C-alpha atoms as a PDB file:
ATOM      1  CA  UNK A   1     -11.544 265.361-121.538  1.00  0.00           C
ATOM      2  CA  UNK A   2      -9.041 267.972-122.671  1.00  0.00           C
ATOM      3  CA  UNK A   3      -5.822 267.670-124.641  1.00  0.00           C
ATOM      4  CA  UNK A   4      -3.349 270.430-125.401  1.00  0.00           C
ATOM      5  CA  UNK A   5      -0.748 270.242-128.141  1.00  0.00           C
ATOM      6  CA  UNK A   6       2.565 271.988-128.719  1.00  0.00           C
ATOM      7  CA  UNK A   7       5.103 271.974-131.570  1.00  0.00           C
ATOM      8  CA  UNK A   8       5.837 268.429-132.678  1.00  0.00           C
ATOM      9  CA  UNK A   9       5.123 266.936-129.267  1.00  0.00           C
ATOM     10  CA  UNK A  10       1.978 266.694-127.182  1.00  0.00           C
ATOM     11  CA  UNK A  11       1.279 268.153-123.775  1.00  0.00           C
ATOM     12  CA  UNK A  12      -1.770 266.217-122.577  1.00  0.00           C
ATOM     13  CA  UNK A  13      -4.151 267.407-119.895  1.00  0.00           C
ATOM     14  CA  UNK A  14      -7.197 265.597-118.553  1.00  0.00           C
ATOM     15  CA  UNK A  15      -9.777 267.240-116.346  1.00  0.00           C
ATOM     16  CA  UNK A  16     -11.338 265.382-113.415  1.00  0.00           C
ATOM     17  CA  UNK A  17     -13.827 262.790-114.756  1.00  0.00           C
ATOM     18  CA  UNK A  18     -12.319 263.244-118.202  1.00  0.00           C
ATOM     19  CA  UNK A  19      -9.392 261.215-116.880  1.00  0.00           C
ATOM     20  CA  UNK A  20     -11.651 258.151-116.578  1.00  0.00           C
ATOM     21  CA  UNK A  21     -13.021 258.788-120.062  1.00  0.00           C
ATOM     22  CA  UNK A  22      -9.451 258.858-121.367  1.00  0.00           C
ATOM     23  CA  UNK A  23      -8.715 255.502-119.726  1.00  0.00           C
ATOM     24  CA  UNK A  24     -11.891 253.996-121.219  1.00  0.00           C
ATOM     25  CA  UNK A  25     -10.973 255.330-124.649  1.00  0.00           C
ATOM     26  CA  UNK A  26      -7.541 253.706-124.403  1.00  0.00           C
ATOM     27  CA  UNK A  27      -9.158 250.421-123.353  1.00  0.00           C
ATOM     28  CA  UNK A  28     -11.288 250.554-126.499  1.00  0.00           C
ATOM     29  CA  UNK A  29      -8.021 250.772-128.435  1.00  0.00           C
ATOM     30  CA  UNK A  30      -6.675 247.715-126.586  1.00  0.00           C
ATOM     31  CA  UNK A  31      -4.469 249.702-124.176  1.00  0.00           C
ATOM     32  CA  UNK A  32      -4.788 249.071-120.417  1.00  0.00           C
ATOM     33  CA  UNK A  33      -2.891 252.118-119.193  1.00  0.00           C
ATOM     34  CA  UNK A  34      -3.015 251.270-115.480  1.00  0.00           C
ATOM     35  CA  UNK A  35      -1.715 247.712-115.901  1.00  0.00           C
ATOM     36  CA  UNK A  36       0.668 248.032-118.815  1.00  0.00           C
ATOM     37  CA  UNK A  37       3.780 250.009-119.589  1.00  0.00           C
ATOM     38  CA  UNK A  38       2.362 252.727-121.854  1.00  0.00           C
ATOM     39  CA  UNK A  39       3.748 255.830-120.192  1.00  0.00           C
ATOM     40  CA  UNK A  40       3.405 257.814-123.418  1.00  0.00           C
ATOM     41  CA  UNK A  41      -0.357 257.925-122.790  1.00  0.00           C
ATOM     42  CA  UNK A  42      -0.115 259.167-119.198  1.00  0.00           C
ATOM     43  CA  UNK A  43      -1.451 262.758-118.963  1.00  0.00           C
ATOM     44  CA  UNK A  44       1.209 265.344-118.222  1.00  0.00           C
ATOM     45  CA  UNK A  45      -1.266 267.183-116.028  1.00  0.00           C
ATOM     46  CA  UNK A  46      -4.556 266.239-114.313  1.00  0.00           C
ATOM     47  CA  UNK A  47      -6.639 269.078-112.902  1.00  0.00           C
ATOM     48  CA  UNK A  48     -10.118 269.692-111.493  1.00  0.00           C
ATOM     49  CA  UNK A  49     -11.913 269.562-108.162  1.00  0.00           C
ATOM     50  CA  UNK A  50     -11.481 265.763-108.333  1.00  0.00           C
ATOM     51  CA  UNK A  51     -15.059 264.891-107.407  1.00  0.00           C
ATOM     52  CA  UNK A  52     -15.449 262.595-110.437  1.00  0.00           C
ATOM     53  CA  UNK A  53     -12.196 260.641-110.531  1.00  0.00           C
ATOM     54  CA  UNK A  54     -11.422 257.864-107.992  1.00  0.00           C
ATOM     55  CA  UNK A  55      -8.396 258.608-105.747  1.00  0.00           C
ATOM     56  CA  UNK A  56      -6.836 255.216-106.544  1.00  0.00           C
ATOM     57  CA  UNK A  57      -6.713 256.081-110.245  1.00  0.00           C
ATOM     58  CA  UNK A  58      -5.172 259.467-109.493  1.00  0.00           C
ATOM     59  CA  UNK A  59      -2.527 257.902-107.241  1.00  0.00           C
ATOM     60  CA  UNK A  60      -1.660 255.308-109.874  1.00  0.00           C
ATOM     61  CA  UNK A  61      -1.287 257.921-112.619  1.00  0.00           C
ATOM     62  CA  UNK A  62       0.753 260.122-110.293  1.00  0.00           C
ATOM     63  CA  UNK A  63       3.137 257.210-109.714  1.00  0.00           C
ATOM     64  CA  UNK A  64       3.427 256.907-113.503  1.00  0.00           C
ATOM     65  CA  UNK A  65       4.493 260.541-113.897  1.00  0.00           C
ATOM     66  CA  UNK A  66       1.291 262.617-114.052  1.00  0.00           C
ATOM     67  CA  UNK A  67       1.211 265.916-112.163  1.00  0.00           C
ATOM     68  CA  UNK A  68      -1.996 266.152-110.090  1.00  0.00           C
ATOM     69  CA  UNK A  69      -3.303 269.633-109.270  1.00  0.00           C
ATOM     70  CA  UNK A  70      -6.576 269.964-107.354  1.00  0.00           C
ATOM     71  CA  UNK A  71      -8.459 273.141-108.226  1.00  0.00           C
ATOM     72  CA  UNK A  72     -11.440 273.518-105.830  1.00  0.00           C
ATOM     73  CA  UNK A  73     -12.186 277.178-106.701  1.00  0.00           C
ATOM     74  CA  UNK A  74     -15.895 277.319-107.621  1.00  0.00           C
ATOM     75  CA  UNK A  75     -15.681 280.790-109.212  1.00  0.00           C
ATOM     76  CA  UNK A  76     -14.380 279.172-112.407  1.00  0.00           C
ATOM     77  CA  UNK A  77     -15.246 276.042-114.370  1.00  0.00           C
ATOM     78  CA  UNK A  78     -12.825 273.111-114.463  1.00  0.00           C
ATOM     79  CA  UNK A  79     -12.183 273.994-118.112  1.00  0.00           C
ATOM     80  CA  UNK A  80     -11.135 277.555-117.208  1.00  0.00           C
ATOM     81  CA  UNK A  81      -9.028 276.394-114.279  1.00  0.00           C
ATOM     82  CA  UNK A  82      -7.273 273.840-116.463  1.00  0.00           C
ATOM     83  CA  UNK A  83      -6.162 276.626-118.807  1.00  0.00           C
ATOM     84  CA  UNK A  84      -4.771 278.576-115.848  1.00  0.00           C
ATOM     85  CA  UNK A  85      -2.842 275.513-114.688  1.00  0.00           C
ATOM     86  CA  UNK A  86      -1.630 274.740-118.195  1.00  0.00           C
ATOM     87  CA  UNK A  87      -0.231 278.264-118.442  1.00  0.00           C
ATOM     88  CA  UNK A  88       1.710 277.756-115.209  1.00  0.00           C
ATOM     89  CA  UNK A  89       2.871 274.293-116.330  1.00  0.00           C
ATOM     90  CA  UNK A  90       4.264 275.381-119.710  1.00  0.00           C
ATOM     91  CA  UNK A  91       6.108 278.332-118.172  1.00  0.00           C
ATOM     92  CA  UNK A  92       7.694 276.076-115.564  1.00  0.00           C
ATOM     93  CA  UNK A  93       8.639 273.478-118.179  1.00  0.00           C
ATOM     94  CA  UNK A  94       9.647 276.118-120.760  1.00  0.00           C
ATOM     95  CA  UNK A  95       7.227 274.653-123.317  1.00  0.00           C
ATOM     96  CA  UNK A  96       6.305 276.668-126.401  1.00  0.00           C
ATOM     97  CA  UNK A  97       2.630 276.126-127.239  1.00  0.00           C
ATOM     98  CA  UNK A  98       1.447 276.364-130.819  1.00  0.00           C
ATOM     99  CA  UNK A  99      -2.260 275.573-130.611  1.00  0.00           C
ATOM    100  CA  UNK A 100      -4.633 274.102-128.035  1.00  0.00           C
ATOM    101  CA  UNK A 101      -7.304 271.541-128.887  1.00  0.00           C
ATOM    102  CA  UNK A 102     -10.031 271.018-126.332  1.00  0.00           C
ATOM    103  CA  UNK A 103     -12.125 267.868-126.612  1.00  0.00           C
ATOM    104  CA  UNK A 104     -15.447 269.034-125.201  1.00  0.00           C
ATOM    105  CA  UNK A 105     -19.012 267.755-125.548  1.00  0.00           C
ATOM    106  CA  UNK A 106     -21.436 270.227-127.145  1.00  0.00           C
ATOM    107  CA  UNK A 107     -24.618 268.307-126.389  1.00  0.00           C
ATOM    108  CA  UNK A 108     -26.574 268.126-123.152  1.00  0.00           C
ATOM    109  CA  UNK A 109     -26.771 271.002-120.677  1.00  0.00           C
ATOM    110  CA  UNK A 110     -27.017 274.400-122.336  1.00  0.00           C
ATOM    111  CA  UNK A 111     -25.401 276.156-119.358  1.00  0.00           C
ATOM    112  CA  UNK A 112     -22.323 273.931-119.725  1.00  0.00           C
ATOM    113  CA  UNK A 113     -22.154 274.688-123.446  1.00  0.00           C
ATOM    114  CA  UNK A 114     -22.294 278.431-122.797  1.00  0.00           C
ATOM    115  CA  UNK A 115     -19.738 278.074-119.999  1.00  0.00           C
ATOM    116  CA  UNK A 116     -17.358 276.502-122.519  1.00  0.00           C
ATOM    117  CA  UNK A 117     -17.937 279.394-124.927  1.00  0.00           C
ATOM    118  CA  UNK A 118     -17.267 281.839-122.101  1.00  0.00           C
ATOM    119  CA  UNK A 119     -13.921 280.128-121.473  1.00  0.00           C
ATOM    120  CA  UNK A 120     -13.058 280.481-125.166  1.00  0.00           C
ATOM    121  CA  UNK A 121     -13.655 284.232-124.913  1.00  0.00           C
ATOM    122  CA  UNK A 122     -11.478 284.459-121.791  1.00  0.00           C
ATOM    123  CA  UNK A 123      -8.705 282.253-123.142  1.00  0.00           C
ATOM    124  CA  UNK A 124      -6.572 285.105-124.480  1.00  0.00           C
ATOM    125  CA  UNK A 125      -6.384 286.519-120.941  1.00  0.00           C
ATOM    126  CA  UNK A 126      -5.313 283.126-119.565  1.00  0.00           C
ATOM    127  CA  UNK A 127      -3.030 281.847-122.338  1.00  0.00           C
ATOM    128  CA  UNK A 128      -0.966 283.940-124.735  1.00  0.00           C
ATOM    129  CA  UNK A 129      -3.245 285.659-127.257  1.00  0.00           C
ATOM    130  CA  UNK A 130      -1.268 284.214-130.164  1.00  0.00           C
ATOM    131  CA  UNK A 131      -2.220 280.650-129.106  1.00  0.00           C
ATOM    132  CA  UNK A 132      -5.498 279.553-130.714  1.00  0.00           C
ATOM    133  CA  UNK A 133      -7.843 277.542-128.486  1.00  0.00           C
ATOM    134  CA  UNK A 134     -10.083 275.266-130.581  1.00  0.00           C
ATOM    135  CA  UNK A 135     -12.964 273.203-129.216  1.00  0.00           C
ATOM    136  CA  UNK A 136     -13.383 269.860-130.934  1.00  0.00           C
ATOM    137  CA  UNK A 137     -16.670 267.955-130.562  1.00  0.00           C
ATOM    138  CA  UNK A 138     -17.961 264.853-132.338  1.00  0.00           C
ATOM    139  CA  UNK A 139     -19.319 266.844-135.266  1.00  0.00           C
ATOM    140  CA  UNK A 140     -17.927 270.376-135.040  1.00  0.00           C
ATOM    141  CA  UNK A 141     -14.978 272.694-134.506  1.00  0.00           C
ATOM    142  CA  UNK A 142     -15.498 275.996-132.677  1.00  0.00           C
ATOM    143  CA  UNK A 143     -13.176 278.874-131.843  1.00  0.00           C
ATOM    144  CA  UNK A 144     -13.090 282.658-131.382  1.00  0.00           C
ATOM    145  CA  UNK A 145     -11.962 284.915-134.204  1.00  0.00           C
ATOM    146  CA  UNK A 146     -10.298 287.967-132.691  1.00  0.00           C
ATOM    147  CA  UNK A 147     -10.494 291.359-134.458  1.00  0.00           C
ATOM    148  CA  UNK A 148      -8.626 291.273-137.757  1.00  0.00           C
ATOM    149  CA  UNK A 149      -8.403 289.248-140.968  1.00  0.00           C
ATOM    150  CA  UNK A 150      -8.618 285.443-140.830  1.00  0.00           C
ATOM    151  CA  UNK A 151      -8.168 282.802-143.525  1.00  0.00           C
ATOM    152  CA  UNK A 152      -9.662 279.346-142.935  1.00  0.00           C
ATOM    153  CA  UNK A 153      -8.786 276.467-145.265  1.00  0.00           C
ATOM    154  CA  UNK A 154     -11.828 274.234-145.777  1.00  0.00           C
ATOM    155  CA  UNK A 155     -11.274 270.570-146.715  1.00  0.00           C
ATOM    156  CA  UNK A 156     -12.833 269.711-150.075  1.00  0.00           C
ATOM    157  CA  UNK A 157     -15.028 267.007-148.557  1.00  0.00           C
ATOM    158  CA  UNK A 158     -16.795 269.628-146.420  1.00  0.00           C
ATOM    159  CA  UNK A 159     -17.345 271.891-149.416  1.00  0.00           C
ATOM    160  CA  UNK A 160     -18.652 268.990-151.502  1.00  0.00           C
ATOM    161  CA  UNK A 161     -21.085 267.966-148.744  1.00  0.00           C
ATOM    162  CA  UNK A 162     -22.344 271.517-148.152  1.00  0.00           C
ATOM    163  CA  UNK A 163     -21.361 271.209-144.517  1.00  0.00           C
ATOM    164  CA  UNK A 164     -22.701 273.880-142.206  1.00  0.00           C
ATOM    165  CA  UNK A 165     -20.805 276.781-140.685  1.00  0.00           C
ATOM    166  CA  UNK A 166     -21.757 279.860-138.712  1.00  0.00           C
ATOM    167  CA  UNK A 167     -20.592 283.183-137.286  1.00  0.00           C
ATOM    168  CA  UNK A 168     -22.152 284.001-133.928  1.00  0.00           C
ATOM    169  CA  UNK A 169     -21.779 287.368-132.112  1.00  0.00           C
ATOM    170  CA  UNK A 170     -21.994 286.001-128.571  1.00  0.00           C
ATOM    171  CA  UNK A 171     -21.718 288.639-125.849  1.00  0.00           C
ATOM    172  CA  UNK A 172     -21.636 291.784-127.991  1.00  0.00           C
ATOM    173  CA  UNK A 173     -22.577 292.990-131.490  1.00  0.00           C
ATOM    174  CA  UNK A 174     -20.153 292.795-134.396  1.00  0.00           C
ATOM    175  CA  UNK A 175     -20.506 296.125-136.170  1.00  0.00           C
ATOM    176  CA  UNK A 176     -18.314 295.477-139.193  1.00  0.00           C
ATOM    177  CA  UNK A 177     -17.616 292.056-140.688  1.00  0.00           C
ATOM    178  CA  UNK A 178     -16.735 291.087-144.270  1.00  0.00           C
ATOM    179  CA  UNK A 179     -16.482 287.518-145.588  1.00  0.00           C
ATOM    180  CA  UNK A 180     -15.602 285.685-148.776  1.00  0.00           C
ATOM    181  CA  UNK A 181     -16.084 282.027-149.673  1.00  0.00           C
ATOM    182  CA  UNK A 182     -19.478 281.578-148.001  1.00  0.00           C
ATOM    183  CA  UNK A 183     -22.769 280.897-149.734  1.00  0.00           C
ATOM    184  CA  UNK A 184     -24.224 283.888-147.878  1.00  0.00           C
ATOM    185  CA  UNK A 185     -21.395 286.368-147.443  1.00  0.00           C
ATOM    186  CA  UNK A 186     -21.441 289.301-145.045  1.00  0.00           C
ATOM    187  CA  UNK A 187     -20.499 292.822-146.055  1.00  0.00           C
ATOM    188  CA  UNK A 188     -19.628 296.065-144.289  1.00  0.00           C
ATOM    189  CA  UNK A 189     -23.288 297.003-143.998  1.00  0.00           C
ATOM    190  CA  UNK A 190     -24.100 293.835-142.061  1.00  0.00           C
ATOM    191  CA  UNK A 191     -24.188 294.006-138.265  1.00  0.00           C
ATOM    192  CA  UNK A 192     -24.264 290.710-136.389  1.00  0.00           C
ATOM    193  CA  UNK A 193     -26.302 290.887-133.205  1.00  0.00           C
ATOM    194  CA  UNK A 194     -28.650 288.611-131.299  1.00  0.00           C
ATOM    195  CA  UNK A 195     -32.160 289.936-131.714  1.00  0.00           C
ATOM    196  CA  UNK A 196     -31.238 290.956-135.263  1.00  0.00           C
ATOM    197  CA  UNK A 197     -28.977 289.090-137.737  1.00  0.00           C
ATOM    198  CA  UNK A 198     -26.717 286.108-137.001  1.00  0.00           C
ATOM    199  CA  UNK A 199     -25.006 283.961-139.622  1.00  0.00           C
ATOM    200  CA  UNK A 200     -26.256 280.498-138.676  1.00  0.00           C
ATOM    201  CA  UNK A 201     -26.806 277.549-141.052  1.00  0.00           C
ATOM    202  CA  UNK A 202     -24.399 279.009-143.581  1.00  0.00           C
ATOM    203  CA  UNK A 203     -22.228 276.898-145.906  1.00  0.00           C
ATOM    204  CA  UNK A 204     -19.487 277.254-148.540  1.00  0.00           C
ATOM    205  CA  UNK A 205     -19.661 278.742-152.022  1.00  0.00           C
ATOM    206  CA  UNK A 206     -17.734 275.947-153.809  1.00  0.00           C
ATOM    207  CA  UNK A 207     -14.611 277.456-152.300  1.00  0.00           C
ATOM    208  CA  UNK A 208     -11.830 275.860-150.247  1.00  0.00           C
ATOM    209  CA  UNK A 209     -10.895 279.107-148.488  1.00  0.00           C
ATOM    210  CA  UNK A 210     -13.028 281.373-146.327  1.00  0.00           C
ATOM    211  CA  UNK A 211     -11.808 284.808-145.294  1.00  0.00           C
ATOM    212  CA  UNK A 212     -13.318 286.765-142.429  1.00  0.00           C
ATOM    213  CA  UNK A 213     -12.417 290.334-141.500  1.00  0.00           C
ATOM    214  CA  UNK A 214     -14.059 291.377-138.248  1.00  0.00           C
ATOM    215  CA  UNK A 215     -13.872 294.422-135.987  1.00  0.00           C
ATOM    216  CA  UNK A 216     -14.929 292.466-132.886  1.00  0.00           C
ATOM    217  CA  UNK A 217     -14.526 288.967-131.437  1.00  0.00           C
ATOM    218  CA  UNK A 218     -16.931 286.498-133.039  1.00  0.00           C
ATOM    219  CA  UNK A 219     -17.487 282.758-132.722  1.00  0.00           C
ATOM    220  CA  UNK A 220     -16.731 280.624-135.784  1.00  0.00           C
ATOM    221  CA  UNK A 221     -18.259 277.133-135.724  1.00  0.00           C
ATOM    222  CA  UNK A 222     -18.204 274.539-138.500  1.00  0.00           C
ATOM    223  CA  UNK A 223     -19.587 271.057-139.035  1.00  0.00           C
ATOM    224  CA  UNK A 224     -17.050 268.296-139.603  1.00  0.00           C
ATOM    225  CA  UNK A 225     -19.187 265.137-139.805  1.00  0.00           C
ATOM    226  CA  UNK A 226     -17.732 264.061-143.193  1.00  0.00           C
ATOM    227  CA  UNK A 227     -14.286 264.336-141.609  1.00  0.00           C
ATOM    228  CA  UNK A 228     -14.949 262.128-138.602  1.00  0.00           C
ATOM    229  CA  UNK A 229     -13.001 259.214-140.044  1.00  0.00           C
ATOM    230  CA  UNK A 230     -10.159 261.460-141.161  1.00  0.00           C
ATOM    231  CA  UNK A 231     -10.056 264.074-138.392  1.00  0.00           C
ATOM    232  CA  UNK A 232      -6.299 263.799-137.917  1.00  0.00           C
ATOM    233  CA  UNK A 233      -5.841 265.123-141.464  1.00  0.00           C
ATOM    234  CA  UNK A 234      -7.727 268.272-140.600  1.00  0.00           C
ATOM    235  CA  UNK A 235      -6.521 269.404-137.188  1.00  0.00           C
ATOM    236  CA  UNK A 236      -3.160 270.264-138.762  1.00  0.00           C
ATOM    237  CA  UNK A 237      -4.863 272.767-141.090  1.00  0.00           C
ATOM    238  CA  UNK A 238      -4.195 276.465-140.573  1.00  0.00           C
ATOM    239  CA  UNK A 239      -6.860 278.589-138.882  1.00  0.00           C
END
């Protein structure tokens, strides 16, 4: 299930079987989308190869205003294809995106997890580079830090609970990276590379701001379990 957000107003996208998960989630909130007049919850766009979503549901949502785009190309994952289609959609609708939040499971099949990471790395070639794509799972946030200086505001509850965070050089080494605000900071002499050093199981040094200056793309991932009940307060934080 994937949702994308723009300034002040949402652009919602569901992907194939994620559409059914969205309907079940709404039912848990007491909203029967298919039988009630709640058009504000109808996805703007539904994409995927459509092998996991019943045609009757798709037809009903289409009649309620959803745009259905079948993407059978097997050279890309549904996640990647949905970003392509979102890019086309926002250009056609003249929508200005601010940030993209992707609700994606990070448990289960390792190849799916790595496929999601691969899409994160490719996202700047699919969507404007200035638009941050952030994966949100039950207990973590994950995104790519592009070369340059980044400042991440950490909620106090995560600092107080010594929540985990990590910097992972997936795909290529990071030759120069400098951090502040972490319990185990990295300096210019540190090279991140699989088979050598990676910054996993790190945490915060009693600090509400982490800075990261990197010469290469690197994955930033952080635990958010203490925030689960208050997640809406965090996803508006600056990255």
